Amino acid sequence: MAHTAPRRTTFARRTGRRHPLVATLMALPLAALLLLVFDGWETVAAQASSVGAMLGR
């Protein structure tokens, strides 16, 4: 029986973590869509002002 070369997978997935910037860029469009669909701009503004008040700004 002949020896053959081992098979290579063409779509090998890398193991490990995704860069935080890439993860952010992937999540931002979905977050913006959810804000538009559920009209959450006021909620975001209220939370931001609360966090600013906690930080003393």
C-alpha atoms as a PDB file:
ATOM      1  CA  MET A   1       0.000   0.000   0.000  1.00  0.00           C
ATOM      2  CA  ALA A   2       1.350   3.422  -0.955  1.00  0.00           C
ATOM      3  CA  HIS A   3       1.964   6.137   1.581  1.00  0.00           C
ATOM      4  CA  THR A   4       0.039   9.302   0.812  1.00  0.00           C
ATOM      5  CA  ALA A   5       0.477  12.826   2.091  1.00  0.00           C
ATOM      6  CA  PRO A   6      -1.731  13.819   4.998  1.00  0.00           C
ATOM      7  CA  ARG A   7      -4.832  15.748   4.086  1.00  0.00           C
ATOM      8  CA  ARG A   8      -4.890  19.462   4.684  1.00  0.00           C
ATOM      9  CA  THR A   9      -8.025  21.268   5.673  1.00  0.00           C
ATOM     10  CA  THR A  10      -8.519  24.327   3.541  1.00  0.00           C
ATOM     11  CA  PHE A  11     -10.747  26.104   6.050  1.00  0.00           C
ATOM     12  CA  ALA A  12      -8.754  25.591   9.210  1.00  0.00           C
ATOM     13  CA  ARG A  13     -10.037  27.788  12.016  1.00  0.00           C
ATOM     14  CA  ARG A  14      -7.586  29.555  14.224  1.00  0.00           C
ATOM     15  CA  THR A  15      -7.967  28.937  17.876  1.00  0.00           C
ATOM     16  CA  GLY A  16      -7.605  31.817  20.235  1.00  0.00           C
ATOM     17  CA  ARG A  17      -9.238  35.089  20.939  1.00  0.00           C
ATOM     18  CA  ARG A  18     -10.413  37.769  18.574  1.00  0.00           C
ATOM     19  CA  HIS A  19      -8.818  41.210  18.816  1.00  0.00           C
ATOM     20  CA  PRO A  20     -11.008  43.553  20.918  1.00  0.00           C
ATOM     21  CA  LEU A  21     -11.209  46.114  18.117  1.00  0.00           C
ATOM     22  CA  VAL A  22     -12.494  43.476  15.684  1.00  0.00           C
ATOM     23  CA  ALA A  23     -15.072  42.320  18.214  1.00  0.00           C
ATOM     24  CA  THR A  24     -16.186  45.923  18.738  1.00  0.00           C
ATOM     25  CA  LEU A  25     -16.503  46.552  15.013  1.00  0.00           C
ATOM     26  CA  MET A  26     -18.617  43.417  14.699  1.00  0.00           C
ATOM     27  CA  ALA A  27     -20.931  44.397  17.569  1.00  0.00           C
ATOM     28  CA  LEU A  28     -21.459  48.094  16.779  1.00  0.00           C
ATOM     29  CA  PRO A  29     -23.762  47.690  13.745  1.00  0.00           C
ATOM     30  CA  LEU A  30     -26.039  45.346  15.668  1.00  0.00           C
ATOM     31  CA  ALA A  31     -26.073  47.675  18.670  1.00  0.00           C
ATOM     32  CA  ALA A  32     -26.966  50.649  16.445  1.00  0.00           C
ATOM     33  CA  LEU A  33     -29.734  48.642  14.780  1.00  0.00           C
ATOM     34  CA  LEU A  34     -31.198  47.643  18.138  1.00  0.00           C
ATOM     35  CA  LEU A  35     -31.088  51.256  19.317  1.00  0.00           C
ATOM     36  CA  LEU A  36     -32.973  52.387  16.231  1.00  0.00           C
ATOM     37  CA  VAL A  37     -35.537  49.591  16.316  1.00  0.00           C
ATOM     38  CA  PHE A  38     -36.338  49.915  20.018  1.00  0.00           C
ATOM     39  CA  ASP A  39     -35.923  53.718  20.193  1.00  0.00           C
ATOM     40  CA  GLY A  40     -33.301  53.509  22.911  1.00  0.00           C
ATOM     41  CA  TRP A  41     -31.436  56.781  22.334  1.00  0.00           C
ATOM     42  CA  GLU A  42     -33.056  58.382  25.393  1.00  0.00           C
ATOM     43  CA  THR A  43     -32.041  55.418  27.529  1.00  0.00           C
ATOM     44  CA  VAL A  44     -28.440  55.629  26.346  1.00  0.00           C
ATOM     45  CA  ALA A  45     -28.363  59.368  27.065  1.00  0.00           C
ATOM     46  CA  ALA A  46     -29.826  58.864  30.552  1.00  0.00           C
ATOM     47  CA  GLN A  47     -27.301  56.128  31.364  1.00  0.00           C
ATOM     48  CA  ALA A  48     -24.419  58.235  30.065  1.00  0.00           C
ATOM     49  CA  SER A  49     -25.501  61.191  32.176  1.00  0.00           C
ATOM     50  CA  SER A  50     -25.823  58.935  35.245  1.00  0.00           C
ATOM     51  CA  VAL A  51     -22.341  57.544  34.727  1.00  0.00           C
ATOM     52  CA  GLY A  52     -21.017  61.073  34.220  1.00  0.00           C
ATOM     53  CA  ALA A  53     -22.645  62.157  37.485  1.00  0.00           C
ATOM     54  CA  MET A  54     -21.122  59.197  39.324  1.00  0.00           C
ATOM     55  CA  LEU A  55     -17.701  60.090  37.963  1.00  0.00           C
ATOM     56  CA  GLY A  56     -18.201  63.695  39.058  1.00  0.00           C
ATOM     57  CA  ARG A  57     -18.364  65.315  35.635  1.00  0.00           C
END
